[in-house]
Amino acid sequence: MTYGLVATLAGSPRAARQVGGILKRLPEGSLLPWHRVVNRQGRISLQGEDFKRQQSALRAEGVLIDPSGCIELSNYLWRGE
């Protein structure tokens, strides 16, 4: 799922950055599947240890990620159906 898609499903299609900010501020141990949200190019937008955490969580679910942190959206994108 992309930040923009989350924003659209929430009724604010222009609020992708706000979605990112909200996900970034989630408390440690949150049950919300924040790691499943990537940018519109299918890339992990986080850096450093956060990048590694998201990459690890996605790989644990069987998502294939290239070394730059990109996934093939056509294989994994959930559109809210």
PDB file of N, CA and C in Angstrom:
ATOM      1  N   MET A   1       0.851  -1.157   0.000  1.00  0.00           N
ATOM      2  CA  MET A   1       0.000   0.000   0.000  1.00  0.00           C
ATOM      3  C   MET A   1       0.903   1.226   0.000  1.00  0.00           C
ATOM      4  N   THR A   2       0.481   2.281  -0.669  1.00  0.00           N
ATOM      5  CA  THR A   2       1.281   3.504  -0.710  1.00  0.00           C
ATOM      6  C   THR A   2       0.713   4.545   0.253  1.00  0.00           C
ATOM      7  N   TYR A   3       1.551   5.525   0.594  1.00  0.00           N
ATOM      8  CA  TYR A   3       1.101   6.615   1.458  1.00  0.00           C
ATOM      9  C   TYR A   3      -0.103   7.321   0.829  1.00  0.00           C
ATOM     10  N   GLY A   4      -0.037   7.538  -0.487  1.00  0.00           N
ATOM     11  CA  GLY A   4      -1.134   8.197  -1.183  1.00  0.00           C
ATOM     12  C   GLY A   4      -2.421   7.400  -1.160  1.00  0.00           C
ATOM     13  N   LEU A   5      -2.325   6.095  -1.273  1.00  0.00           N
ATOM     14  CA  LEU A   5      -3.520   5.254  -1.233  1.00  0.00           C
ATOM     15  C   LEU A   5      -4.156   5.281   0.152  1.00  0.00           C
ATOM     16  N   VAL A   6      -3.334   5.246   1.194  1.00  0.00           N
ATOM     17  CA  VAL A   6      -3.871   5.359   2.553  1.00  0.00           C
ATOM     18  C   VAL A   6      -4.613   6.683   2.692  1.00  0.00           C
ATOM     19  N   ALA A   7      -4.010   7.762   2.198  1.00  0.00           N
ATOM     20  CA  ALA A   7      -4.638   9.080   2.276  1.00  0.00           C
ATOM     21  C   ALA A   7      -5.964   9.097   1.514  1.00  0.00           C
ATOM     22  N   THR A   8      -5.978   8.523   0.323  1.00  0.00           N
ATOM     23  CA  THR A   8      -7.201   8.480  -0.484  1.00  0.00           C
ATOM     24  C   THR A   8      -8.298   7.696   0.223  1.00  0.00           C
ATOM     25  N   LEU A   9      -7.955   6.536   0.757  1.00  0.00           N
ATOM     26  CA  LEU A   9      -8.948   5.722   1.462  1.00  0.00           C
ATOM     27  C   LEU A   9      -9.466   6.415   2.718  1.00  0.00           C
ATOM     28  N   ALA A  10      -8.655   7.308   3.284  1.00  0.00           N
ATOM     29  CA  ALA A  10      -9.073   8.070   4.465  1.00  0.00           C
ATOM     30  C   ALA A  10      -9.884   9.304   4.083  1.00  0.00           C
ATOM     31  N   GLY A  11     -10.066   9.533   2.774  1.00  0.00           N
ATOM     32  CA  GLY A  11     -10.864  10.663   2.318  1.00  0.00           C
ATOM     33  C   GLY A  11     -10.081  11.939   2.091  1.00  0.00           C
ATOM     34  N   SER A  12      -8.749  11.867   2.127  1.00  0.00           N
ATOM     35  CA  SER A  12      -7.894  13.041   1.914  1.00  0.00           C
ATOM     36  C   SER A  12      -6.791  12.692   0.917  1.00  0.00           C
ATOM     37  N   PRO A  13      -7.132  12.604  -0.365  1.00  0.00           N
ATOM     38  CA  PRO A  13      -6.171  12.119  -1.356  1.00  0.00           C
ATOM     39  C   PRO A  13      -4.888  12.933  -1.488  1.00  0.00           C
ATOM     40  N   ARG A  14      -4.851  14.142  -0.956  1.00  0.00           N
ATOM     41  CA  ARG A  14      -3.647  14.965  -1.060  1.00  0.00           C
ATOM     42  C   ARG A  14      -2.820  14.942   0.226  1.00  0.00           C
ATOM     43  N   ALA A  15      -3.099  14.010   1.106  1.00  0.00           N
ATOM     44  CA  ALA A  15      -2.464  13.995   2.428  1.00  0.00           C
ATOM     45  C   ALA A  15      -1.438  12.874   2.604  1.00  0.00           C
ATOM     46  N   ALA A  16      -0.759  12.486   1.534  1.00  0.00           N
ATOM     47  CA  ALA A  16       0.217  11.395   1.631  1.00  0.00           C
ATOM     48  C   ALA A  16       1.326  11.712   2.637  1.00  0.00           C
ATOM     49  N   ARG A  17       1.802  12.946   2.650  1.00  0.00           N
ATOM     50  CA  ARG A  17       2.871  13.313   3.594  1.00  0.00           C
ATOM     51  C   ARG A  17       2.393  13.241   5.038  1.00  0.00           C
ATOM     52  N   GLN A  18       1.153  13.611   5.249  1.00  0.00           N
ATOM     53  CA  GLN A  18       0.604  13.523   6.602  1.00  0.00           C
ATOM     54  C   GLN A  18       0.520  12.069   7.056  1.00  0.00           C
ATOM     55  N   VAL A  19       0.177  11.178   6.134  1.00  0.00           N
ATOM     56  CA  VAL A  19       0.141   9.749   6.461  1.00  0.00           C
ATOM     57  C   VAL A  19       1.530   9.303   6.910  1.00  0.00           C
ATOM     58  N   GLY A  20       2.556   9.709   6.179  1.00  0.00           N
ATOM     59  CA  GLY A  20       3.922   9.367   6.560  1.00  0.00           C
ATOM     60  C   GLY A  20       4.274   9.882   7.941  1.00  0.00           C
ATOM     61  N   GLY A  21       3.866  11.111   8.235  1.00  0.00           N
ATOM     62  CA  GLY A  21       4.140  11.688   9.548  1.00  0.00           C
ATOM     63  C   GLY A  21       3.445  10.942  10.669  1.00  0.00           C
ATOM     64  N   ILE A  22       2.216  10.548  10.424  1.00  0.00           N
ATOM     65  CA  ILE A  22       1.460   9.791  11.436  1.00  0.00           C
ATOM     66  C   ILE A  22       2.125   8.440  11.684  1.00  0.00           C
ATOM     67  N   LEU A  23       2.488   7.749  10.608  1.00  0.00           N
ATOM     68  CA  LEU A  23       3.122   6.439  10.763  1.00  0.00           C
ATOM     69  C   LEU A  23       4.468   6.556  11.478  1.00  0.00           C
ATOM     70  N   LYS A  24       5.187   7.629  11.198  1.00  0.00           N
ATOM     71  CA  LYS A  24       6.491   7.830  11.840  1.00  0.00           C
ATOM     72  C   LYS A  24       6.362   8.022  13.350  1.00  0.00           C
ATOM     73  N   ARG A  25       5.246   8.585  13.784  1.00  0.00           N
ATOM     74  CA  ARG A  25       5.045   8.869  15.204  1.00  0.00           C
ATOM     75  C   ARG A  25       4.309   7.764  15.961  1.00  0.00           C
ATOM     76  N   LEU A  26       4.073   6.633  15.314  1.00  0.00           N
ATOM     77  CA  LEU A  26       3.421   5.524  16.020  1.00  0.00           C
ATOM     78  C   LEU A  26       4.277   5.093  17.208  1.00  0.00           C
ATOM     79  N   PRO A  27       3.634   4.742  18.298  1.00  0.00           N
ATOM     80  CA  PRO A  27       4.420   4.288  19.453  1.00  0.00           C
ATOM     81  C   PRO A  27       5.097   2.942  19.183  1.00  0.00           C
ATOM     82  N   GLU A  28       6.224   2.744  19.836  1.00  0.00           N
ATOM     83  CA  GLU A  28       6.948   1.470  19.740  1.00  0.00           C
ATOM     84  C   GLU A  28       5.997   0.328  20.090  1.00  0.00           C
ATOM     85  N   GLY A  29       6.004  -0.723  19.294  1.00  0.00           N
ATOM     86  CA  GLY A  29       5.155  -1.877  19.562  1.00  0.00           C
ATOM     87  C   GLY A  29       3.735  -1.752  19.036  1.00  0.00           C
ATOM     88  N   SER A  30       3.447  -0.711  18.250  1.00  0.00           N
ATOM     89  CA  SER A  30       2.112  -0.531  17.679  1.00  0.00           C
ATOM     90  C   SER A  30       1.738  -1.753  16.834  1.00  0.00           C
ATOM     91  N   LEU A  31       0.480  -2.151  16.901  1.00  0.00           N
ATOM     92  CA  LEU A  31       0.003  -3.292  16.118  1.00  0.00           C
ATOM     93  C   LEU A  31      -0.389  -2.902  14.695  1.00  0.00           C
ATOM     94  N   LEU A  32      -0.389  -1.612  14.393  1.00  0.00           N
ATOM     95  CA  LEU A  32      -0.705  -1.148  13.049  1.00  0.00           C
ATOM     96  C   LEU A  32       0.395  -1.622  12.080  1.00  0.00           C
ATOM     97  N   PRO A  33       0.045  -2.203  10.943  1.00  0.00           N
ATOM     98  CA  PRO A  33       1.063  -2.729  10.027  1.00  0.00           C
ATOM     99  C   PRO A  33       1.732  -1.621   9.195  1.00  0.00           C
ATOM    100  N   TRP A  34       2.378  -0.691   9.874  1.00  0.00           N
ATOM    101  CA  TRP A  34       3.037   0.462   9.247  1.00  0.00           C
ATOM    102  C   TRP A  34       4.057   0.051   8.190  1.00  0.00           C
ATOM    103  N   HIS A  35       4.670  -1.101   8.391  1.00  0.00           N
ATOM    104  CA  HIS A  35       5.746  -1.541   7.500  1.00  0.00           C
ATOM    105  C   HIS A  35       5.245  -1.877   6.096  1.00  0.00           C
ATOM    106  N   ARG A  36       3.946  -2.011   5.930  1.00  0.00           N
ATOM    107  CA  ARG A  36       3.392  -2.356   4.617  1.00  0.00           C
ATOM    108  C   ARG A  36       3.161  -1.136   3.732  1.00  0.00           C
ATOM    109  N   VAL A  37       3.463   0.047   4.222  1.00  0.00           N
ATOM    110  CA  VAL A  37       3.238   1.279   3.463  1.00  0.00           C
ATOM    111  C   VAL A  37       4.564   1.755   2.871  1.00  0.00           C
ATOM    112  N   VAL A  38       4.567   1.938   1.544  1.00  0.00           N
ATOM    113  CA  VAL A  38       5.753   2.397   0.816  1.00  0.00           C
ATOM    114  C   VAL A  38       5.368   3.595  -0.047  1.00  0.00           C
ATOM    115  N   ASN A  39       6.353   4.220  -0.678  1.00  0.00           N
ATOM    116  CA  ASN A  39       6.023   5.368  -1.523  1.00  0.00           C
ATOM    117  C   ASN A  39       5.450   4.920  -2.869  1.00  0.00           C
ATOM    118  N   ARG A  40       5.038   5.873  -3.673  1.00  0.00           N
ATOM    119  CA  ARG A  40       4.332   5.535  -4.916  1.00  0.00           C
ATOM    120  C   ARG A  40       5.193   4.810  -5.944  1.00  0.00           C
ATOM    121  N   GLN A  41       6.522   4.866  -5.783  1.00  0.00           N
ATOM    122  CA  GLN A  41       7.407   4.108  -6.663  1.00  0.00           C
ATOM    123  C   GLN A  41       7.654   2.690  -6.143  1.00  0.00           C
ATOM    124  N   GLY A  42       7.060   2.370  -4.998  1.00  0.00           N
ATOM    125  CA  GLY A  42       7.269   1.056  -4.408  1.00  0.00           C
ATOM    126  C   GLY A  42       8.527   0.969  -3.568  1.00  0.00           C
ATOM    127  N   ARG A  43       9.074   2.116  -3.211  1.00  0.00           N
ATOM    128  CA  ARG A  43      10.312   2.157  -2.427  1.00  0.00           C
ATOM    129  C   ARG A  43      10.040   2.414  -0.956  1.00  0.00           C
ATOM    130  N   ILE A  44      10.890   1.833  -0.131  1.00  0.00           N
ATOM    131  CA  ILE A  44      10.877   2.147   1.292  1.00  0.00           C
ATOM    132  C   ILE A  44      11.439   3.554   1.430  1.00  0.00           C
ATOM    133  N   SER A  45      10.696   4.442   2.068  1.00  0.00           N
ATOM    134  CA  SER A  45      11.116   5.836   2.191  1.00  0.00           C
ATOM    135  C   SER A  45      11.984   6.101   3.414  1.00  0.00           C
ATOM    136  N   LEU A  46      12.015   5.161   4.322  1.00  0.00           N
ATOM    137  CA  LEU A  46      12.766   5.354   5.561  1.00  0.00           C
ATOM    138  C   LEU A  46      14.257   5.175   5.313  1.00  0.00           C
ATOM    139  N   GLN A  47      15.055   5.619   6.290  1.00  0.00           N
ATOM    140  CA  GLN A  47      16.506   5.502   6.168  1.00  0.00           C
ATOM    141  C   GLN A  47      17.096   4.898   7.428  1.00  0.00           C
ATOM    142  N   GLY A  48      18.337   4.466   7.319  1.00  0.00           N
ATOM    143  CA  GLY A  48      19.058   3.958   8.480  1.00  0.00           C
ATOM    144  C   GLY A  48      18.414   2.727   9.092  1.00  0.00           C
ATOM    145  N   GLU A  49      18.356   2.724  10.410  1.00  0.00           N
ATOM    146  CA  GLU A  49      17.796   1.580  11.138  1.00  0.00           C
ATOM    147  C   GLU A  49      16.314   1.382  10.837  1.00  0.00           C
ATOM    148  N   ASP A  50      15.577   2.475  10.611  1.00  0.00           N
ATOM    149  CA  ASP A  50      14.156   2.355  10.272  1.00  0.00           C
ATOM    150  C   ASP A  50      13.978   1.638   8.934  1.00  0.00           C
ATOM    151  N   PHE A  51      14.859   1.958   7.960  1.00  0.00           N
ATOM    152  CA  PHE A  51      14.846   1.265   6.668  1.00  0.00           C
ATOM    153  C   PHE A  51      15.042  -0.230   6.887  1.00  0.00           C
ATOM    154  N   LYS A  52      16.040  -0.587   7.672  1.00  0.00           N
ATOM    155  CA  LYS A  52      16.342  -1.999   7.931  1.00  0.00           C
ATOM    156  C   LYS A  52      15.185  -2.705   8.625  1.00  0.00           C
ATOM    157  N   ARG A  53      14.530  -2.005   9.562  1.00  0.00           N
ATOM    158  CA  ARG A  53      13.389  -2.600  10.277  1.00  0.00           C
ATOM    159  C   ARG A  53      12.233  -2.874   9.325  1.00  0.00           C
ATOM    160  N   GLN A  54      11.922  -1.899   8.453  1.00  0.00           N
ATOM    161  CA  GLN A  54      10.826  -2.086   7.504  1.00  0.00           C
ATOM    162  C   GLN A  54      11.176  -3.180   6.499  1.00  0.00           C
ATOM    163  N   GLN A  55      12.381  -3.161   5.999  1.00  0.00           N
ATOM    164  CA  GLN A  55      12.823  -4.175   5.050  1.00  0.00           C
ATOM    165  C   GLN A  55      12.723  -5.571   5.664  1.00  0.00           C
ATOM    166  N   SER A  56      13.168  -5.710   6.880  1.00  0.00           N
ATOM    167  CA  SER A  56      13.121  -6.998   7.575  1.00  0.00           C
ATOM    168  C   SER A  56      11.681  -7.470   7.780  1.00  0.00           C
ATOM    169  N   ALA A  57      10.799  -6.554   8.181  1.00  0.00           N
ATOM    170  CA  ALA A  57       9.393  -6.911   8.411  1.00  0.00           C
ATOM    171  C   ALA A  57       8.720  -7.346   7.111  1.00  0.00           C
ATOM    172  N   LEU A  58       8.999  -6.644   6.018  1.00  0.00           N
ATOM    173  CA  LEU A  58       8.411  -7.019   4.733  1.00  0.00           C
ATOM    174  C   LEU A  58       8.946  -8.369   4.256  1.00  0.00           C
ATOM    175  N   ARG A  59      10.243  -8.561   4.382  1.00  0.00           N
ATOM    176  CA  ARG A  59      10.829  -9.841   3.966  1.00  0.00           C
ATOM    177  C   ARG A  59      10.279 -10.995   4.788  1.00  0.00           C
ATOM    178  N   ALA A  60      10.015 -10.758   6.064  1.00  0.00           N
ATOM    179  CA  ALA A  60       9.443 -11.802   6.926  1.00  0.00           C
ATOM    180  C   ALA A  60       8.061 -12.219   6.439  1.00  0.00           C
ATOM    181  N   GLU A  61       7.379 -11.332   5.711  1.00  0.00           N
ATOM    182  CA  GLU A  61       6.069 -11.644   5.138  1.00  0.00           C
ATOM    183  C   GLU A  61       6.181 -12.184   3.716  1.00  0.00           C
ATOM    184  N   GLY A  62       7.401 -12.394   3.240  1.00  0.00           N
ATOM    185  CA  GLY A  62       7.601 -12.966   1.914  1.00  0.00           C
ATOM    186  C   GLY A  62       7.673 -11.967   0.783  1.00  0.00           C
ATOM    187  N   VAL A  63       7.786 -10.680   1.096  1.00  0.00           N
ATOM    188  CA  VAL A  63       7.865  -9.647   0.062  1.00  0.00           C
ATOM    189  C   VAL A  63       9.297  -9.588  -0.468  1.00  0.00           C
ATOM    190  N   LEU A  64       9.442  -9.631  -1.791  1.00  0.00           N
ATOM    191  CA  LEU A  64      10.756  -9.520  -2.417  1.00  0.00           C
ATOM    192  C   LEU A  64      11.123  -8.046  -2.546  1.00  0.00           C
ATOM    193  N   ILE A  65      12.308  -7.697  -2.071  1.00  0.00           N
ATOM    194  CA  ILE A  65      12.772  -6.309  -2.067  1.00  0.00           C
ATOM    195  C   ILE A  65      14.155  -6.270  -2.689  1.00  0.00           C
ATOM    196  N   ASP A  66      14.367  -5.353  -3.644  1.00  0.00           N
ATOM    197  CA  ASP A  66      15.701  -5.254  -4.224  1.00  0.00           C
ATOM    198  C   ASP A  66      16.630  -4.513  -3.254  1.00  0.00           C
ATOM    199  N   PRO A  67      17.930  -4.512  -3.512  1.00  0.00           N
ATOM    200  CA  PRO A  67      18.881  -3.908  -2.570  1.00  0.00           C
ATOM    201  C   PRO A  67      18.640  -2.425  -2.276  1.00  0.00           C
ATOM    202  N   SER A  68      17.988  -1.716  -3.209  1.00  0.00           N
ATOM    203  CA  SER A  68      17.718  -0.291  -2.984  1.00  0.00           C
ATOM    204  C   SER A  68      16.443  -0.064  -2.176  1.00  0.00           C
ATOM    205  N   GLY A  69      15.749  -1.146  -1.818  1.00  0.00           N
ATOM    206  CA  GLY A  69      14.533  -1.019  -1.022  1.00  0.00           C
ATOM    207  C   GLY A  69      13.271  -0.890  -1.837  1.00  0.00           C
ATOM    208  N   CYS A  70      13.307  -1.371  -3.075  1.00  0.00           N
ATOM    209  CA  CYS A  70      12.149  -1.260  -3.964  1.00  0.00           C
ATOM    210  C   CYS A  70      11.437  -2.607  -4.093  1.00  0.00           C
ATOM    211  N   ILE A  71      10.103  -2.542  -4.065  1.00  0.00           N
ATOM    212  CA  ILE A  71       9.299  -3.741  -4.294  1.00  0.00           C
ATOM    213  C   ILE A  71       8.513  -3.551  -5.590  1.00  0.00           C
ATOM    214  N   GLU A  72       8.080  -4.630  -6.177  1.00  0.00           N
ATOM    215  CA  GLU A  72       7.282  -4.577  -7.395  1.00  0.00           C
ATOM    216  C   GLU A  72       5.823  -4.398  -6.990  1.00  0.00           C
ATOM    217  N   LEU A  73       5.317  -3.157  -7.102  1.00  0.00           N
ATOM    218  CA  LEU A  73       3.952  -2.868  -6.660  1.00  0.00           C
ATOM    219  C   LEU A  73       2.916  -3.731  -7.367  1.00  0.00           C
ATOM    220  N   SER A  74       3.152  -4.070  -8.619  1.00  0.00           N
ATOM    221  CA  SER A  74       2.163  -4.880  -9.344  1.00  0.00           C
ATOM    222  C   SER A  74       1.978  -6.254  -8.694  1.00  0.00           C
ATOM    223  N   ASN A  75       2.962  -6.701  -7.938  1.00  0.00           N
ATOM    224  CA  ASN A  75       2.858  -7.993  -7.253  1.00  0.00           C
ATOM    225  C   ASN A  75       2.262  -7.887  -5.856  1.00  0.00           C
ATOM    226  N   TYR A  76       2.384  -6.722  -5.217  1.00  0.00           N
ATOM    227  CA  TYR A  76       2.040  -6.630  -3.800  1.00  0.00           C
ATOM    228  C   TYR A  76       1.032  -5.541  -3.429  1.00  0.00           C
ATOM    229  N   LEU A  77       0.708  -4.645  -4.341  1.00  0.00           N
ATOM    230  CA  LEU A  77      -0.138  -3.499  -3.979  1.00  0.00           C
ATOM    231  C   LEU A  77      -1.569  -3.915  -3.661  1.00  0.00           C
ATOM    232  N   TRP A  78      -2.018  -3.546  -2.482  1.00  0.00           N
ATOM    233  CA  TRP A  78      -3.410  -3.741  -2.074  1.00  0.00           C
ATOM    234  C   TRP A  78      -4.131  -2.439  -2.350  1.00  0.00           C
ATOM    235  N   ARG A  79      -5.244  -2.494  -3.055  1.00  0.00           N
ATOM    236  CA  ARG A  79      -5.943  -1.277  -3.466  1.00  0.00           C
ATOM    237  C   ARG A  79      -7.198  -1.001  -2.656  1.00  0.00           C
ATOM    238  N   GLY A  80      -7.377  -1.690  -1.578  1.00  0.00           N
ATOM    239  CA  GLY A  80      -8.520  -1.418  -0.720  1.00  0.00           C
ATOM    240  C   GLY A  80      -9.773  -2.189  -1.080  1.00  0.00           C
ATOM    241  N   GLU A  81      -9.652  -3.203  -1.906  1.00  0.00           N
ATOM    242  CA  GLU A  81     -10.818  -3.998  -2.280  1.00  0.00           C
ATOM    243  C   GLU A  81     -11.153  -4.982  -1.190  1.00  0.00           C
TER     244      GLU A  81
END
